[in-house]
Amino acid sequence: MDEPRTLKAPWPIIEHKESFEVQDASGSITIAFVYFEDEPGRQRATHRLSRDEARRVASHIARIPEYIAATKDEVK
């Protein structure tokens, strides 16, 4: 049976033209893309987040390893 894949922390956030990308520490696995739109009219039409909203979502995703570690410490 294959071993489960582990995603090494920390998970950096890379900003692109219209998205934030969350990767694992090795940079070889993309965990998430969070898309945004800067222009208010297009933002409403495309139902995308603002840059600030997308950055906050990406930062919360990148902190998942911290949340998991804290939970494991509480269980011990």
PDB file of N, CA and C in Angstrom:
ATOM      1  N   MET A   1       0.833  -1.179   0.000  1.00  0.00           N
ATOM      2  CA  MET A   1       0.000   0.000   0.000  1.00  0.00           C
ATOM      3  C   MET A   1       0.882   1.248   0.000  1.00  0.00           C
ATOM      4  N   ASP A   2       0.505   2.247  -0.772  1.00  0.00           N
ATOM      5  CA  ASP A   2       1.275   3.485  -0.847  1.00  0.00           C
ATOM      6  C   ASP A   2       1.184   4.266   0.456  1.00  0.00           C
ATOM      7  N   GLU A   3       2.303   4.890   0.809  1.00  0.00           N
ATOM      8  CA  GLU A   3       2.335   5.745   1.994  1.00  0.00           C
ATOM      9  C   GLU A   3       1.592   7.047   1.701  1.00  0.00           C
ATOM     10  N   PRO A   4       0.889   7.599   2.693  1.00  0.00           N
ATOM     11  CA  PRO A   4       0.211   8.877   2.465  1.00  0.00           C
ATOM     12  C   PRO A   4       1.239   9.984   2.224  1.00  0.00           C
ATOM     13  N   ARG A   5       0.882  10.902   1.354  1.00  0.00           N
ATOM     14  CA  ARG A   5       1.755  12.020   1.025  1.00  0.00           C
ATOM     15  C   ARG A   5       1.743  13.023   2.177  1.00  0.00           C
ATOM     16  N   THR A   6       2.915  13.510   2.549  1.00  0.00           N
ATOM     17  CA  THR A   6       2.981  14.551   3.575  1.00  0.00           C
ATOM     18  C   THR A   6       3.357  15.867   2.913  1.00  0.00           C
ATOM     19  N   LEU A   7       2.720  16.921   3.341  1.00  0.00           N
ATOM     20  CA  LEU A   7       2.975  18.250   2.804  1.00  0.00           C
ATOM     21  C   LEU A   7       3.807  18.999   3.829  1.00  0.00           C
ATOM     22  N   LYS A   8       5.075  19.167   3.524  1.00  0.00           N
ATOM     23  CA  LYS A   8       6.007  19.778   4.465  1.00  0.00           C
ATOM     24  C   LYS A   8       5.665  21.241   4.721  1.00  0.00           C
ATOM     25  N   ALA A   9       5.730  21.644   5.987  1.00  0.00           N
ATOM     26  CA  ALA A   9       5.518  23.047   6.375  1.00  0.00           C
ATOM     27  C   ALA A   9       6.880  23.750   6.382  1.00  0.00           C
ATOM     28  N   PRO A  10       6.931  25.057   6.293  1.00  0.00           N
ATOM     29  CA  PRO A  10       5.829  26.005   6.141  1.00  0.00           C
ATOM     30  C   PRO A  10       5.322  26.036   4.707  1.00  0.00           C
ATOM     31  N   TRP A  11       4.108  26.512   4.560  1.00  0.00           N
ATOM     32  CA  TRP A  11       3.493  26.615   3.242  1.00  0.00           C
ATOM     33  C   TRP A  11       3.574  28.072   2.777  1.00  0.00           C
ATOM     34  N   PRO A  12       4.499  28.375   1.869  1.00  0.00           N
ATOM     35  CA  PRO A  12       4.638  29.760   1.408  1.00  0.00           C
ATOM     36  C   PRO A  12       3.492  30.182   0.491  1.00  0.00           C
ATOM     37  N   ILE A  13       3.271  31.492   0.432  1.00  0.00           N
ATOM     38  CA  ILE A  13       2.246  32.079  -0.436  1.00  0.00           C
ATOM     39  C   ILE A  13       2.958  32.862  -1.524  1.00  0.00           C
ATOM     40  N   ILE A  14       2.628  32.570  -2.769  1.00  0.00           N
ATOM     41  CA  ILE A  14       3.211  33.256  -3.914  1.00  0.00           C
ATOM     42  C   ILE A  14       2.117  34.065  -4.593  1.00  0.00           C
ATOM     43  N   GLU A  15       2.373  35.352  -4.783  1.00  0.00           N
ATOM     44  CA  GLU A  15       1.373  36.206  -5.437  1.00  0.00           C
ATOM     45  C   GLU A  15       1.603  36.211  -6.941  1.00  0.00           C
ATOM     46  N   HIS A  16       0.534  35.973  -7.692  1.00  0.00           N
ATOM     47  CA  HIS A  16       0.536  36.061  -9.147  1.00  0.00           C
ATOM     48  C   HIS A  16      -0.337  37.240  -9.556  1.00  0.00           C
ATOM     49  N   LYS A  17      -0.486  37.446 -10.849  1.00  0.00           N
ATOM     50  CA  LYS A  17      -1.243  38.599 -11.352  1.00  0.00           C
ATOM     51  C   LYS A  17      -2.678  38.640 -10.829  1.00  0.00           C
ATOM     52  N   GLU A  18      -3.368  37.502 -10.795  1.00  0.00           N
ATOM     53  CA  GLU A  18      -4.768  37.467 -10.358  1.00  0.00           C
ATOM     54  C   GLU A  18      -5.042  36.372  -9.332  1.00  0.00           C
ATOM     55  N   SER A  19      -4.000  35.909  -8.649  1.00  0.00           N
ATOM     56  CA  SER A  19      -4.214  34.844  -7.664  1.00  0.00           C
ATOM     57  C   SER A  19      -3.077  34.799  -6.653  1.00  0.00           C
ATOM     58  N   PHE A  20      -3.341  34.084  -5.574  1.00  0.00           N
ATOM     59  CA  PHE A  20      -2.314  33.715  -4.609  1.00  0.00           C
ATOM     60  C   PHE A  20      -2.215  32.199  -4.667  1.00  0.00           C
ATOM     61  N   GLU A  21      -0.994  31.694  -4.678  1.00  0.00           N
ATOM     62  CA  GLU A  21      -0.750  30.251  -4.724  1.00  0.00           C
ATOM     63  C   GLU A  21      -0.117  29.824  -3.401  1.00  0.00           C
ATOM     64  N   VAL A  22      -0.668  28.794  -2.796  1.00  0.00           N
ATOM     65  CA  VAL A  22      -0.106  28.232  -1.563  1.00  0.00           C
ATOM     66  C   VAL A  22       0.575  26.925  -1.950  1.00  0.00           C
ATOM     67  N   GLN A  23       1.869  26.811  -1.621  1.00  0.00           N
ATOM     68  CA  GLN A  23       2.641  25.614  -1.948  1.00  0.00           C
ATOM     69  C   GLN A  23       3.140  24.951  -0.674  1.00  0.00           C
ATOM     70  N   ASP A  24       3.598  23.708  -0.821  1.00  0.00           N
ATOM     71  CA  ASP A  24       4.268  23.090   0.317  1.00  0.00           C
ATOM     72  C   ASP A  24       5.693  23.644   0.379  1.00  0.00           C
ATOM     73  N   ALA A  25       6.416  23.314   1.436  1.00  0.00           N
ATOM     74  CA  ALA A  25       7.749  23.889   1.651  1.00  0.00           C
ATOM     75  C   ALA A  25       8.726  23.573   0.527  1.00  0.00           C
ATOM     76  N   SER A  26       8.563  22.439  -0.121  1.00  0.00           N
ATOM     77  CA  SER A  26       9.478  22.072  -1.204  1.00  0.00           C
ATOM     78  C   SER A  26       9.186  22.845  -2.482  1.00  0.00           C
ATOM     79  N   GLY A  27       7.992  23.411  -2.582  1.00  0.00           N
ATOM     80  CA  GLY A  27       7.605  24.134  -3.794  1.00  0.00           C
ATOM     81  C   GLY A  27       7.186  23.221  -4.927  1.00  0.00           C
ATOM     82  N   SER A  28       7.153  21.923  -4.672  1.00  0.00           N
ATOM     83  CA  SER A  28       6.810  20.977  -5.735  1.00  0.00           C
ATOM     84  C   SER A  28       5.319  20.649  -5.791  1.00  0.00           C
ATOM     85  N   ILE A  29       4.584  21.005  -4.731  1.00  0.00           N
ATOM     86  CA  ILE A  29       3.151  20.704  -4.689  1.00  0.00           C
ATOM     87  C   ILE A  29       2.374  21.988  -4.433  1.00  0.00           C
ATOM     88  N   THR A  30       1.425  22.277  -5.318  1.00  0.00           N
ATOM     89  CA  THR A  30       0.524  23.403  -5.093  1.00  0.00           C
ATOM     90  C   THR A  30      -0.648  22.909  -4.276  1.00  0.00           C
ATOM     91  N   ILE A  31      -0.886  23.568  -3.152  1.00  0.00           N
ATOM     92  CA  ILE A  31      -1.975  23.185  -2.260  1.00  0.00           C
ATOM     93  C   ILE A  31      -3.260  23.891  -2.653  1.00  0.00           C
ATOM     94  N   ALA A  32      -3.150  25.177  -3.033  1.00  0.00           N
ATOM     95  CA  ALA A  32      -4.356  25.940  -3.390  1.00  0.00           C
ATOM     96  C   ALA A  32      -3.996  27.155  -4.229  1.00  0.00           C
ATOM     97  N   PHE A  33      -4.929  27.535  -5.089  1.00  0.00           N
ATOM     98  CA  PHE A  33      -4.922  28.834  -5.757  1.00  0.00           C
ATOM     99  C   PHE A  33      -6.133  29.582  -5.238  1.00  0.00           C
ATOM    100  N   VAL A  34      -5.959  30.845  -4.859  1.00  0.00           N
ATOM    101  CA  VAL A  34      -7.067  31.693  -4.421  1.00  0.00           C
ATOM    102  C   VAL A  34      -7.078  32.887  -5.371  1.00  0.00           C
ATOM    103  N   TYR A  35      -8.141  32.999  -6.175  1.00  0.00           N
ATOM    104  CA  TYR A  35      -8.216  34.017  -7.218  1.00  0.00           C
ATOM    105  C   TYR A  35      -8.856  35.295  -6.714  1.00  0.00           C
ATOM    106  N   PHE A  36      -8.420  36.426  -7.291  1.00  0.00           N
ATOM    107  CA  PHE A  36      -8.989  37.724  -6.925  1.00  0.00           C
ATOM    108  C   PHE A  36      -9.133  38.599  -8.161  1.00  0.00           C
ATOM    109  N   GLU A  37      -9.883  39.670  -8.007  1.00  0.00           N
ATOM    110  CA  GLU A  37     -10.088  40.661  -9.068  1.00  0.00           C
ATOM    111  C   GLU A  37      -9.999  42.039  -8.429  1.00  0.00           C
ATOM    112  N   ASP A  38      -9.159  42.900  -8.997  1.00  0.00           N
ATOM    113  CA  ASP A  38      -8.977  44.246  -8.447  1.00  0.00           C
ATOM    114  C   ASP A  38     -10.042  45.234  -8.898  1.00  0.00           C
ATOM    115  N   GLU A  39     -10.544  45.066 -10.095  1.00  0.00           N
ATOM    116  CA  GLU A  39     -11.528  46.017 -10.637  1.00  0.00           C
ATOM    117  C   GLU A  39     -12.910  45.701 -10.061  1.00  0.00           C
ATOM    118  N   PRO A  40     -13.537  46.659  -9.343  1.00  0.00           N
ATOM    119  CA  PRO A  40     -14.822  46.383  -8.672  1.00  0.00           C
ATOM    120  C   PRO A  40     -15.923  45.850  -9.597  1.00  0.00           C
ATOM    121  N   GLY A  41     -16.067  46.412 -10.796  1.00  0.00           N
ATOM    122  CA  GLY A  41     -17.105  45.940 -11.718  1.00  0.00           C
ATOM    123  C   GLY A  41     -16.887  44.493 -12.127  1.00  0.00           C
ATOM    124  N   ARG A  42     -15.647  44.172 -12.481  1.00  0.00           N
ATOM    125  CA  ARG A  42     -15.321  42.787 -12.859  1.00  0.00           C
ATOM    126  C   ARG A  42     -15.396  41.865 -11.651  1.00  0.00           C
ATOM    127  N   GLN A  43     -15.069  42.395 -10.483  1.00  0.00           N
ATOM    128  CA  GLN A  43     -15.132  41.585  -9.264  1.00  0.00           C
ATOM    129  C   GLN A  43     -16.555  41.103  -9.025  1.00  0.00           C
ATOM    130  N   ARG A  44     -17.515  42.004  -9.184  1.00  0.00           N
ATOM    131  CA  ARG A  44     -18.922  41.610  -9.005  1.00  0.00           C
ATOM    132  C   ARG A  44     -19.365  40.639 -10.096  1.00  0.00           C
ATOM    133  N   ALA A  45     -18.961  40.904 -11.340  1.00  0.00           N
ATOM    134  CA  ALA A  45     -19.382  40.062 -12.464  1.00  0.00           C
ATOM    135  C   ALA A  45     -18.794  38.654 -12.377  1.00  0.00           C
ATOM    136  N   THR A  46     -17.553  38.547 -11.917  1.00  0.00           N
ATOM    137  CA  THR A  46     -16.889  37.241 -11.861  1.00  0.00           C
ATOM    138  C   THR A  46     -17.039  36.551 -10.513  1.00  0.00           C
ATOM    139  N   HIS A  47     -17.620  37.265  -9.538  1.00  0.00           N
ATOM    140  CA  HIS A  47     -17.806  36.728  -8.183  1.00  0.00           C
ATOM    141  C   HIS A  47     -16.478  36.333  -7.547  1.00  0.00           C
ATOM    142  N   ARG A  48     -15.429  37.103  -7.861  1.00  0.00           N
ATOM    143  CA  ARG A  48     -14.122  36.847  -7.255  1.00  0.00           C
ATOM    144  C   ARG A  48     -13.934  37.705  -6.013  1.00  0.00           C
ATOM    145  N   LEU A  49     -13.024  37.288  -5.188  1.00  0.00           N
ATOM    146  CA  LEU A  49     -12.673  38.019  -3.980  1.00  0.00           C
ATOM    147  C   LEU A  49     -11.840  39.251  -4.328  1.00  0.00           C
ATOM    148  N   SER A  50     -11.775  40.198  -3.408  1.00  0.00           N
ATOM    149  CA  SER A  50     -10.842  41.310  -3.565  1.00  0.00           C
ATOM    150  C   SER A  50      -9.436  40.773  -3.277  1.00  0.00           C
ATOM    151  N   ARG A  51      -8.410  41.543  -3.639  1.00  0.00           N
ATOM    152  CA  ARG A  51      -7.036  41.113  -3.381  1.00  0.00           C
ATOM    153  C   ARG A  51      -6.831  40.864  -1.877  1.00  0.00           C
ATOM    154  N   ASP A  52      -7.327  41.766  -1.044  1.00  0.00           N
ATOM    155  CA  ASP A  52      -7.151  41.623   0.404  1.00  0.00           C
ATOM    156  C   ASP A  52      -7.874  40.387   0.938  1.00  0.00           C
ATOM    157  N   GLU A  53      -9.100  40.152   0.477  1.00  0.00           N
ATOM    158  CA  GLU A  53      -9.844  38.958   0.913  1.00  0.00           C
ATOM    159  C   GLU A  53      -9.107  37.685   0.508  1.00  0.00           C
ATOM    160  N   ALA A  54      -8.624  37.653  -0.743  1.00  0.00           N
ATOM    161  CA  ALA A  54      -7.910  36.470  -1.242  1.00  0.00           C
ATOM    162  C   ALA A  54      -6.613  36.249  -0.467  1.00  0.00           C
ATOM    163  N   ARG A  55      -5.906  37.335  -0.147  1.00  0.00           N
ATOM    164  CA  ARG A  55      -4.674  37.220   0.627  1.00  0.00           C
ATOM    165  C   ARG A  55      -4.961  36.635   2.010  1.00  0.00           C
ATOM    166  N   ARG A  56      -6.048  37.085   2.634  1.00  0.00           N
ATOM    167  CA  ARG A  56      -6.402  36.566   3.960  1.00  0.00           C
ATOM    168  C   ARG A  56      -6.768  35.084   3.898  1.00  0.00           C
ATOM    169  N   VAL A  57      -7.527  34.678   2.870  1.00  0.00           N
ATOM    170  CA  VAL A  57      -7.887  33.259   2.719  1.00  0.00           C
ATOM    171  C   VAL A  57      -6.623  32.426   2.517  1.00  0.00           C
ATOM    172  N   ALA A  58      -5.737  32.886   1.629  1.00  0.00           N
ATOM    173  CA  ALA A  58      -4.489  32.155   1.376  1.00  0.00           C
ATOM    174  C   ALA A  58      -3.646  32.053   2.646  1.00  0.00           C
ATOM    175  N   SER A  59      -3.609  33.123   3.436  1.00  0.00           N
ATOM    176  CA  SER A  59      -2.810  33.075   4.668  1.00  0.00           C
ATOM    177  C   SER A  59      -3.399  32.095   5.679  1.00  0.00           C
ATOM    178  N   HIS A  60      -4.719  31.980   5.719  1.00  0.00           N
ATOM    179  CA  HIS A  60      -5.340  30.988   6.613  1.00  0.00           C
ATOM    180  C   HIS A  60      -5.048  29.566   6.132  1.00  0.00           C
ATOM    181  N   ILE A  61      -5.093  29.351   4.833  1.00  0.00           N
ATOM    182  CA  ILE A  61      -4.752  28.026   4.290  1.00  0.00           C
ATOM    183  C   ILE A  61      -3.304  27.689   4.640  1.00  0.00           C
ATOM    184  N   ALA A  62      -2.404  28.662   4.478  1.00  0.00           N
ATOM    185  CA  ALA A  62      -0.981  28.429   4.748  1.00  0.00           C
ATOM    186  C   ALA A  62      -0.713  28.118   6.220  1.00  0.00           C
ATOM    187  N   ARG A  63      -1.621  28.497   7.100  1.00  0.00           N
ATOM    188  CA  ARG A  63      -1.445  28.248   8.537  1.00  0.00           C
ATOM    189  C   ARG A  63      -2.027  26.906   8.993  1.00  0.00           C
ATOM    190  N   ILE A  64      -2.600  26.133   8.103  1.00  0.00           N
ATOM    191  CA  ILE A  64      -3.185  24.841   8.481  1.00  0.00           C
ATOM    192  C   ILE A  64      -2.191  23.960   9.247  1.00  0.00           C
ATOM    193  N   PRO A  65      -0.917  23.849   8.825  1.00  0.00           N
ATOM    194  CA  PRO A  65       0.009  23.020   9.614  1.00  0.00           C
ATOM    195  C   PRO A  65       0.137  23.485  11.070  1.00  0.00           C
ATOM    196  N   GLU A  66       0.074  24.809  11.304  1.00  0.00           N
ATOM    197  CA  GLU A  66       0.134  25.324  12.681  1.00  0.00           C
ATOM    198  C   GLU A  66      -1.093  24.885  13.471  1.00  0.00           C
ATOM    199  N   TYR A  67      -2.263  24.963  12.847  1.00  0.00           N
ATOM    200  CA  TYR A  67      -3.500  24.557  13.516  1.00  0.00           C
ATOM    201  C   TYR A  67      -3.462  23.071  13.875  1.00  0.00           C
ATOM    202  N   ILE A  68      -2.966  22.263  12.951  1.00  0.00           N
ATOM    203  CA  ILE A  68      -2.878  20.819  13.197  1.00  0.00           C
ATOM    204  C   ILE A  68      -1.911  20.540  14.342  1.00  0.00           C
ATOM    205  N   ALA A  69      -0.759  21.207  14.337  1.00  0.00           N
ATOM    206  CA  ALA A  69       0.228  21.009  15.405  1.00  0.00           C
ATOM    207  C   ALA A  69      -0.345  21.420  16.757  1.00  0.00           C
ATOM    208  N   ALA A  70      -1.065  22.522  16.796  1.00  0.00           N
ATOM    209  CA  ALA A  70      -1.668  22.985  18.054  1.00  0.00           C
ATOM    210  C   ALA A  70      -2.694  21.980  18.559  1.00  0.00           C
ATOM    211  N   THR A  71      -3.467  21.412  17.651  1.00  0.00           N
ATOM    212  CA  THR A  71      -4.472  20.417  18.026  1.00  0.00           C
ATOM    213  C   THR A  71      -3.801  19.164  18.586  1.00  0.00           C
ATOM    214  N   LYS A  72      -2.709  18.735  17.957  1.00  0.00           N
ATOM    215  CA  LYS A  72      -1.988  17.548  18.441  1.00  0.00           C
ATOM    216  C   LYS A  72      -1.419  17.792  19.832  1.00  0.00           C
ATOM    217  N   ASP A  73      -0.929  19.013  20.087  1.00  0.00           N
ATOM    218  CA  ASP A  73      -0.396  19.346  21.411  1.00  0.00           C
ATOM    219  C   ASP A  73      -1.490  19.318  22.471  1.00  0.00           C
ATOM    220  N   GLU A  74      -2.691  19.762  22.112  1.00  0.00           N
ATOM    221  CA  GLU A  74      -3.811  19.775  23.059  1.00  0.00           C
ATOM    222  C   GLU A  74      -4.245  18.362  23.432  1.00  0.00           C
ATOM    223  N   VAL A  75      -4.148  17.430  22.480  1.00  0.00           N
ATOM    224  CA  VAL A  75      -4.592  16.056  22.694  1.00  0.00           C
ATOM    225  C   VAL A  75      -3.634  15.305  23.616  1.00  0.00           C
ATOM    226  N   LYS A  76      -2.361  15.661  23.603  1.00  0.00           N
ATOM    227  CA  LYS A  76      -1.349  14.940  24.396  1.00  0.00           C
ATOM    228  C   LYS A  76      -1.544  15.096  25.848  1.00  0.00           C
TER     229      LYS A  76
END
